[in-house]
């Protein structure tokens, strides 16, 4: 689901991956040395509680009004964004 619409031409993207039990990972795009886009953790490798993920996203939106936020509910806890 698109949780927040940013600028269509210049907006960065955050993905909030919601796991069972109210835990989340927040991912952002990053260009590797070859110039390919890949998804990397925006906060850390470990899942965090949803309230903390939402607070992080709010802080990022305050810094970047063009930011897009996509939310994916991962009911099985097995979703891999790059695949």
PDB file of N, CA and C in Angstrom:
ATOM      1  N   UNK A   1       0.841  -1.157   0.000  1.00  0.00           N
ATOM      2  CA  UNK A   1       0.000   0.000   0.000  1.00  0.00           C
ATOM      3  C   UNK A   1       0.896   1.234   0.000  1.00  0.00           C
ATOM      4  N   UNK A   2       0.477   2.249  -0.725  1.00  0.00           N
ATOM      5  CA  UNK A   2       1.185   3.527  -0.694  1.00  0.00           C
ATOM      6  C   UNK A   2       0.699   4.273   0.547  1.00  0.00           C
ATOM      7  N   UNK A   3       1.570   4.372   1.536  1.00  0.00           N
ATOM      8  CA  UNK A   3       1.212   5.036   2.793  1.00  0.00           C
ATOM      9  C   UNK A   3       1.406   6.543   2.707  1.00  0.00           C
ATOM     10  N   UNK A   4       2.303   6.982   1.823  1.00  0.00           N
ATOM     11  CA  UNK A   4       2.552   8.415   1.633  1.00  0.00           C
ATOM     12  C   UNK A   4       3.054   8.644   0.224  1.00  0.00           C
ATOM     13  N   UNK A   5       2.425   9.575  -0.456  1.00  0.00           N
ATOM     14  CA  UNK A   5       2.847   9.947  -1.806  1.00  0.00           C
ATOM     15  C   UNK A   5       3.834  11.103  -1.731  1.00  0.00           C
ATOM     16  N   UNK A   6       4.949  10.916  -2.395  1.00  0.00           N
ATOM     17  CA  UNK A   6       5.953  11.958  -2.481  1.00  0.00           C
ATOM     18  C   UNK A   6       5.946  12.576  -3.865  1.00  0.00           C
ATOM     19  N   UNK A   7       7.008  13.231  -4.193  1.00  0.00           N
ATOM     20  CA  UNK A   7       7.144  13.849  -5.508  1.00  0.00           C
ATOM     21  C   UNK A   7       7.342  12.762  -6.559  1.00  0.00           C
ATOM     22  N   UNK A   8       6.556  12.829  -7.639  1.00  0.00           N
ATOM     23  CA  UNK A   8       6.593  11.792  -8.677  1.00  0.00           C
ATOM     24  C   UNK A   8       7.914  11.764  -9.429  1.00  0.00           C
ATOM     25  N   UNK A   9       8.623  12.864  -9.471  1.00  0.00           N
ATOM     26  CA  UNK A   9       9.862  12.926 -10.240  1.00  0.00           C
ATOM     27  C   UNK A   9      11.122  12.813  -9.389  1.00  0.00           C
ATOM     28  N   UNK A  10      11.057  13.233  -8.139  1.00  0.00           N
ATOM     29  CA  UNK A  10      12.290  13.323  -7.358  1.00  0.00           C
ATOM     30  C   UNK A  10      12.209  12.649  -5.994  1.00  0.00           C
ATOM     31  N   UNK A  11      11.122  11.986  -5.694  1.00  0.00           N
ATOM     32  CA  UNK A  11      10.961  11.440  -4.352  1.00  0.00           C
ATOM     33  C   UNK A  11      11.703  10.145  -4.114  1.00  0.00           C
ATOM     34  N   UNK A  12      12.436  10.085  -3.010  1.00  0.00           N
ATOM     35  CA  UNK A  12      13.058   8.843  -2.567  1.00  0.00           C
ATOM     36  C   UNK A  12      11.964   7.928  -2.024  1.00  0.00           C
ATOM     37  N   UNK A  13      12.301   6.661  -1.808  1.00  0.00           N
ATOM     38  CA  UNK A  13      11.308   5.679  -1.369  1.00  0.00           C
ATOM     39  C   UNK A  13      11.789   4.985  -0.107  1.00  0.00           C
ATOM     40  N   UNK A  14      10.908   4.896   0.880  1.00  0.00           N
ATOM     41  CA  UNK A  14      11.113   4.040   2.045  1.00  0.00           C
ATOM     42  C   UNK A  14      10.068   2.936   1.977  1.00  0.00           C
ATOM     43  N   UNK A  15      10.461   1.717   2.338  1.00  0.00           N
ATOM     44  CA  UNK A  15       9.529   0.605   2.424  1.00  0.00           C
ATOM     45  C   UNK A  15       9.457   0.156   3.870  1.00  0.00           C
ATOM     46  N   UNK A  16       8.248   0.117   4.382  1.00  0.00           N
ATOM     47  CA  UNK A  16       8.014  -0.386   5.735  1.00  0.00           C
ATOM     48  C   UNK A  16       7.473  -1.804   5.583  1.00  0.00           C
ATOM     49  N   UNK A  17       8.264  -2.777   5.979  1.00  0.00           N
ATOM     50  CA  UNK A  17       7.908  -4.182   5.870  1.00  0.00           C
ATOM     51  C   UNK A  17       7.402  -4.639   7.233  1.00  0.00           C
ATOM     52  N   UNK A  18       6.082  -4.865   7.322  1.00  0.00           N
ATOM     53  CA  UNK A  18       5.437  -5.185   8.596  1.00  0.00           C
ATOM     54  C   UNK A  18       5.361  -6.701   8.757  1.00  0.00           C
ATOM     55  N   UNK A  19       5.954  -7.204   9.840  1.00  0.00           N
ATOM     56  CA  UNK A  19       5.990  -8.633  10.131  1.00  0.00           C
ATOM     57  C   UNK A  19       4.916  -8.985  11.157  1.00  0.00           C
ATOM     58  N   UNK A  20       4.642 -10.275  11.326  1.00  0.00           N
ATOM     59  CA  UNK A  20       3.707 -10.694  12.381  1.00  0.00           C
ATOM     60  C   UNK A  20       4.186 -10.239  13.758  1.00  0.00           C
ATOM     61  N   UNK A  21       3.262  -9.919  14.629  1.00  0.00           N
ATOM     62  CA  UNK A  21       3.605  -9.532  15.994  1.00  0.00           C
ATOM     63  C   UNK A  21       3.929  -8.064  16.173  1.00  0.00           C
ATOM     64  N   UNK A  22       3.706  -7.237  15.124  1.00  0.00           N
ATOM     65  CA  UNK A  22       3.904  -5.803  15.254  1.00  0.00           C
ATOM     66  C   UNK A  22       5.336  -5.333  15.094  1.00  0.00           C
ATOM     67  N   UNK A  23       6.186  -6.143  14.515  1.00  0.00           N
ATOM     68  CA  UNK A  23       7.562  -5.733  14.259  1.00  0.00           C
ATOM     69  C   UNK A  23       7.730  -5.348  12.797  1.00  0.00           C
ATOM     70  N   UNK A  24       8.696  -4.482  12.515  1.00  0.00           N
ATOM     71  CA  UNK A  24       8.895  -3.950  11.165  1.00  0.00           C
ATOM     72  C   UNK A  24      10.378  -3.815  10.845  1.00  0.00           C
ATOM     73  N   UNK A  25      10.643  -3.807   9.556  1.00  0.00           N
ATOM     74  CA  UNK A  25      11.925  -3.358   9.027  1.00  0.00           C
ATOM     75  C   UNK A  25      11.622  -2.185   8.113  1.00  0.00           C
ATOM     76  N   UNK A  26      12.500  -1.203   8.107  1.00  0.00           N
ATOM     77  CA  UNK A  26      12.359  -0.076   7.185  1.00  0.00           C
ATOM     78  C   UNK A  26      13.555  -0.137   6.244  1.00  0.00           C
ATOM     79  N   UNK A  27      13.258  -0.114   4.942  1.00  0.00           N
ATOM     80  CA  UNK A  27      14.285  -0.240   3.925  1.00  0.00           C
ATOM     81  C   UNK A  27      14.310   1.001   3.043  1.00  0.00           C
ATOM     82  N   UNK A  28      15.478   1.294   2.513  1.00  0.00           N
ATOM     83  CA  UNK A  28      15.644   2.403   1.585  1.00  0.00           C
ATOM     84  C   UNK A  28      16.482   1.934   0.410  1.00  0.00           C
ATOM     85  N   UNK A  29      16.422   2.655  -0.695  1.00  0.00           N
ATOM     86  CA  UNK A  29      17.211   2.291  -1.854  1.00  0.00           C
ATOM     87  C   UNK A  29      18.607   2.885  -1.767  1.00  0.00           C
ATOM     88  N   UNK A  30      19.560   2.145  -2.337  1.00  0.00           N
ATOM     89  CA  UNK A  30      20.959   2.541  -2.310  1.00  0.00           C
ATOM     90  C   UNK A  30      21.593   2.088  -3.620  1.00  0.00           C
ATOM     91  N   UNK A  31      22.429   2.904  -4.202  1.00  0.00           N
ATOM     92  CA  UNK A  31      23.156   2.501  -5.414  1.00  0.00           C
ATOM     93  C   UNK A  31      24.500   1.901  -5.013  1.00  0.00           C
ATOM     94  N   UNK A  32      24.759   0.689  -5.489  1.00  0.00           N
ATOM     95  CA  UNK A  32      26.037   0.046  -5.192  1.00  0.00           C
ATOM     96  C   UNK A  32      27.119   0.587  -6.132  1.00  0.00           C
ATOM     97  N   UNK A  33      28.311   0.074  -6.033  1.00  0.00           N
ATOM     98  CA  UNK A  33      29.434   0.584  -6.818  1.00  0.00           C
ATOM     99  C   UNK A  33      29.231   0.398  -8.322  1.00  0.00           C
ATOM    100  N   UNK A  34      28.429  -0.578  -8.697  1.00  0.00           N
ATOM    101  CA  UNK A  34      28.132  -0.800 -10.115  1.00  0.00           C
ATOM    102  C   UNK A  34      27.003   0.099 -10.614  1.00  0.00           C
ATOM    103  N   UNK A  35      26.390   0.854  -9.712  1.00  0.00           N
ATOM    104  CA  UNK A  35      25.297   1.751 -10.077  1.00  0.00           C
ATOM    105  C   UNK A  35      23.931   1.117 -10.016  1.00  0.00           C
ATOM    106  N   UNK A  36      23.852  -0.145  -9.561  1.00  0.00           N
ATOM    107  CA  UNK A  36      22.571  -0.838  -9.454  1.00  0.00           C
ATOM    108  C   UNK A  36      21.865  -0.448  -8.162  1.00  0.00           C
ATOM    109  N   UNK A  37      20.536  -0.325  -8.235  1.00  0.00           N
ATOM    110  CA  UNK A  37      19.752  -0.046  -7.040  1.00  0.00           C
ATOM    111  C   UNK A  37      19.558  -1.328  -6.252  1.00  0.00           C
ATOM    112  N   UNK A  38      19.677  -1.216  -4.945  1.00  0.00           N
ATOM    113  CA  UNK A  38      19.376  -2.336  -4.067  1.00  0.00           C
ATOM    114  C   UNK A  38      18.709  -1.792  -2.815  1.00  0.00           C
ATOM    115  N   UNK A  39      17.987  -2.654  -2.119  1.00  0.00           N
ATOM    116  CA  UNK A  39      17.308  -2.260  -0.888  1.00  0.00           C
ATOM    117  C   UNK A  39      18.198  -2.582   0.292  1.00  0.00           C
ATOM    118  N   UNK A  40      18.362  -1.611   1.184  1.00  0.00           N
ATOM    119  CA  UNK A  40      19.190  -1.782   2.374  1.00  0.00           C
ATOM    120  C   UNK A  40      18.406  -1.301   3.592  1.00  0.00           C
ATOM    121  N   UNK A  41      18.736  -1.840   4.771  1.00  0.00           N
ATOM    122  CA  UNK A  41      18.056  -1.382   5.984  1.00  0.00           C
ATOM    123  C   UNK A  41      18.289   0.113   6.219  1.00  0.00           C
ATOM    124  N   UNK A  42      17.233   0.824   6.533  1.00  0.00           N
ATOM    125  CA  UNK A  42      17.338   2.254   6.821  1.00  0.00           C
ATOM    126  C   UNK A  42      17.648   2.508   8.288  1.00  0.00           C
ATOM    127  N   UNK A  43      17.302   1.567   9.144  1.00  0.00           N
ATOM    128  CA  UNK A  43      17.501   1.745  10.582  1.00  0.00           C
ATOM    129  C   UNK A  43      18.535   0.761  11.104  1.00  0.00           C
ATOM    130  N   UNK A  44      18.388  -0.490  10.801  1.00  0.00           N
ATOM    131  CA  UNK A  44      19.289  -1.540  11.260  1.00  0.00           C
ATOM    132  C   UNK A  44      18.803  -2.872  10.741  1.00  0.00           C
ATOM    133  N   UNK A  45      19.594  -3.889  10.916  1.00  0.00           N
ATOM    134  CA  UNK A  45      19.261  -5.220  10.403  1.00  0.00           C
ATOM    135  C   UNK A  45      18.085  -5.858  11.139  1.00  0.00           C
ATOM    136  N   UNK A  46      17.981  -5.612  12.430  1.00  0.00           N
ATOM    137  CA  UNK A  46      16.954  -6.240  13.251  1.00  0.00           C
ATOM    138  C   UNK A  46      15.608  -5.530  13.104  1.00  0.00           C
ATOM    139  N   UNK A  47      14.529  -6.311  13.145  1.00  0.00           N
ATOM    140  CA  UNK A  47      13.185  -5.733  13.133  1.00  0.00           C
ATOM    141  C   UNK A  47      12.966  -4.947  14.423  1.00  0.00           C
ATOM    142  N   UNK A  48      12.185  -3.880  14.312  1.00  0.00           N
ATOM    143  CA  UNK A  48      11.876  -3.030  15.461  1.00  0.00           C
ATOM    144  C   UNK A  48      10.366  -2.956  15.634  1.00  0.00           C
ATOM    145  N   UNK A  49       9.916  -2.468  16.776  1.00  0.00           N
ATOM    146  CA  UNK A  49       8.476  -2.334  16.991  1.00  0.00           C
ATOM    147  C   UNK A  49       7.918  -1.278  16.046  1.00  0.00           C
ATOM    148  N   UNK A  50       6.667  -1.449  15.650  1.00  0.00           N
ATOM    149  CA  UNK A  50       6.063  -0.590  14.641  1.00  0.00           C
ATOM    150  C   UNK A  50       6.036   0.874  15.050  1.00  0.00           C
ATOM    151  N   UNK A  51       5.844   1.158  16.316  1.00  0.00           N
ATOM    152  CA  UNK A  51       5.820   2.542  16.796  1.00  0.00           C
ATOM    153  C   UNK A  51       7.156   3.230  16.514  1.00  0.00           C
ATOM    154  N   UNK A  52       8.242   2.521  16.735  1.00  0.00           N
ATOM    155  CA  UNK A  52       9.569   3.091  16.469  1.00  0.00           C
ATOM    156  C   UNK A  52       9.799   3.276  14.970  1.00  0.00           C
ATOM    157  N   UNK A  53       9.312   2.329  14.167  1.00  0.00           N
ATOM    158  CA  UNK A  53       9.432   2.459  12.713  1.00  0.00           C
ATOM    159  C   UNK A  53       8.658   3.686  12.229  1.00  0.00           C
ATOM    160  N   UNK A  54       7.445   3.867  12.748  1.00  0.00           N
ATOM    161  CA  UNK A  54       6.633   5.018  12.352  1.00  0.00           C
ATOM    162  C   UNK A  54       7.280   6.333  12.767  1.00  0.00           C
ATOM    163  N   UNK A  55       7.885   6.365  13.947  1.00  0.00           N
ATOM    164  CA  UNK A  55       8.570   7.584  14.408  1.00  0.00           C
ATOM    165  C   UNK A  55       9.754   7.899  13.498  1.00  0.00           C
ATOM    166  N   UNK A  56      10.513   6.885  13.101  1.00  0.00           N
ATOM    167  CA  UNK A  56      11.627   7.088  12.186  1.00  0.00           C
ATOM    168  C   UNK A  56      11.135   7.645  10.862  1.00  0.00           C
ATOM    169  N   UNK A  57      10.069   7.066  10.329  1.00  0.00           N
ATOM    170  CA  UNK A  57       9.519   7.524   9.053  1.00  0.00           C
ATOM    171  C   UNK A  57       9.045   8.966   9.157  1.00  0.00           C
ATOM    172  N   UNK A  58       8.396   9.323  10.248  1.00  0.00           N
ATOM    173  CA  UNK A  58       7.940  10.712  10.439  1.00  0.00           C
ATOM    174  C   UNK A  58       9.118  11.680  10.442  1.00  0.00           C
ATOM    175  N   UNK A  59      10.207  11.310  11.088  1.00  0.00           N
ATOM    176  CA  UNK A  59      11.392  12.171  11.098  1.00  0.00           C
ATOM    177  C   UNK A  59      11.969  12.330   9.691  1.00  0.00           C
ATOM    178  N   UNK A  60      11.945  11.248   8.918  1.00  0.00           N
ATOM    179  CA  UNK A  60      12.471  11.323   7.557  1.00  0.00           C
ATOM    180  C   UNK A  60      11.590  12.203   6.672  1.00  0.00           C
ATOM    181  N   UNK A  61      10.275  12.133   6.859  1.00  0.00           N
ATOM    182  CA  UNK A  61       9.342  12.961   6.089  1.00  0.00           C
ATOM    183  C   UNK A  61       9.532  14.431   6.429  1.00  0.00           C
ATOM    184  N   UNK A  62       9.815  14.737   7.690  1.00  0.00           N
ATOM    185  CA  UNK A  62      10.082  16.126   8.075  1.00  0.00           C
ATOM    186  C   UNK A  62      11.302  16.674   7.348  1.00  0.00           C
ATOM    187  N   UNK A  63      12.297  15.827   7.098  1.00  0.00           N
ATOM    188  CA  UNK A  63      13.519  16.241   6.399  1.00  0.00           C
ATOM    189  C   UNK A  63      13.348  16.273   4.884  1.00  0.00           C
ATOM    190  N   UNK A  64      12.462  15.404   4.371  1.00  0.00           N
ATOM    191  CA  UNK A  64      12.305  15.255   2.921  1.00  0.00           C
ATOM    192  C   UNK A  64      10.823  15.130   2.580  1.00  0.00           C
ATOM    193  N   UNK A  65      10.200  16.233   2.235  1.00  0.00           N
ATOM    194  CA  UNK A  65       8.764  16.255   1.912  1.00  0.00           C
ATOM    195  C   UNK A  65       8.437  15.505   0.619  1.00  0.00           C
ATOM    196  N   UNK A  66       9.446  15.174  -0.184  1.00  0.00           N
ATOM    197  CA  UNK A  66       9.232  14.452  -1.444  1.00  0.00           C
ATOM    198  C   UNK A  66       9.206  12.939  -1.248  1.00  0.00           C
ATOM    199  N   UNK A  67       9.423  12.474  -0.036  1.00  0.00           N
ATOM    200  CA  UNK A  67       9.574  11.060   0.276  1.00  0.00           C
ATOM    201  C   UNK A  67       8.292  10.254   0.055  1.00  0.00           C
ATOM    202  N   UNK A  68       8.446   9.097  -0.580  1.00  0.00           N
ATOM    203  CA  UNK A  68       7.368   8.124  -0.715  1.00  0.00           C
ATOM    204  C   UNK A  68       7.532   7.077   0.376  1.00  0.00           C
ATOM    205  N   UNK A  69       6.407   6.558   0.898  1.00  0.00           N
ATOM    206  CA  UNK A  69       6.453   5.472   1.875  1.00  0.00           C
ATOM    207  C   UNK A  69       5.509   4.369   1.395  1.00  0.00           C
ATOM    208  N   UNK A  70       6.071   3.191   1.199  1.00  0.00           N
ATOM    209  CA  UNK A  70       5.313   2.019   0.789  1.00  0.00           C
ATOM    210  C   UNK A  70       5.270   1.064   1.973  1.00  0.00           C
ATOM    211  N   UNK A  71       4.086   0.536   2.284  1.00  0.00           N
ATOM    212  CA  UNK A  71       3.944  -0.397   3.399  1.00  0.00           C
ATOM    213  C   UNK A  71       3.528  -1.762   2.847  1.00  0.00           C
ATOM    214  N   UNK A  72       4.272  -2.784   3.248  1.00  0.00           N
ATOM    215  CA  UNK A  72       3.986  -4.156   2.829  1.00  0.00           C
ATOM    216  C   UNK A  72       3.744  -4.989   4.074  1.00  0.00           C
ATOM    217  N   UNK A  73       2.569  -5.633   4.143  1.00  0.00           N
ATOM    218  CA  UNK A  73       2.274  -6.523   5.263  1.00  0.00           C
ATOM    219  C   UNK A  73       2.763  -7.918   4.906  1.00  0.00           C
ATOM    220  N   UNK A  74       3.695  -8.413   5.694  1.00  0.00           N
ATOM    221  CA  UNK A  74       4.320  -9.712   5.469  1.00  0.00           C
ATOM    222  C   UNK A  74       3.779 -10.700   6.503  1.00  0.00           C
ATOM    223  N   UNK A  75       2.610 -11.240   6.244  1.00  0.00           N
ATOM    224  CA  UNK A  75       1.929 -12.102   7.221  1.00  0.00           C
ATOM    225  C   UNK A  75       2.711 -13.372   7.548  1.00  0.00           C
ATOM    226  N   UNK A  76       3.499 -13.875   6.596  1.00  0.00           N
ATOM    227  CA  UNK A  76       4.262 -15.095   6.835  1.00  0.00           C
ATOM    228  C   UNK A  76       5.663 -14.829   7.366  1.00  0.00           C
ATOM    229  N   UNK A  77       6.099 -13.576   7.288  1.00  0.00           N
ATOM    230  CA  UNK A  77       7.446 -13.237   7.751  1.00  0.00           C
ATOM    231  C   UNK A  77       8.541 -13.743   6.838  1.00  0.00           C
ATOM    232  N   UNK A  78       8.230 -13.908   5.547  1.00  0.00           N
ATOM    233  CA  UNK A  78       9.203 -14.476   4.618  1.00  0.00           C
ATOM    234  C   UNK A  78       9.459 -13.603   3.400  1.00  0.00           C
ATOM    235  N   UNK A  79       8.843 -12.438   3.319  1.00  0.00           N
ATOM    236  CA  UNK A  79       8.961 -11.599   2.125  1.00  0.00           C
ATOM    237  C   UNK A  79      10.377 -11.055   1.980  1.00  0.00           C
ATOM    238  N   UNK A  80      10.926 -11.164   0.788  1.00  0.00           N
ATOM    239  CA  UNK A  80      12.243 -10.605   0.478  1.00  0.00           C
ATOM    240  C   UNK A  80      12.047  -9.592  -0.636  1.00  0.00           C
ATOM    241  N   UNK A  81      12.371  -8.351  -0.384  1.00  0.00           N
ATOM    242  CA  UNK A  81      12.065  -7.261  -1.302  1.00  0.00           C
ATOM    243  C   UNK A  81      12.784  -7.370  -2.629  1.00  0.00           C
ATOM    244  N   UNK A  82      14.005  -7.821  -2.659  1.00  0.00           N
ATOM    245  CA  UNK A  82      14.766  -7.880  -3.894  1.00  0.00           C
ATOM    246  C   UNK A  82      14.329  -8.984  -4.843  1.00  0.00           C
ATOM    247  N   UNK A  83      13.489  -9.910  -4.376  1.00  0.00           N
ATOM    248  CA  UNK A  83      13.126 -11.030  -5.240  1.00  0.00           C
ATOM    249  C   UNK A  83      11.805 -10.800  -5.921  1.00  0.00           C
TER     250      UNK A  83
END
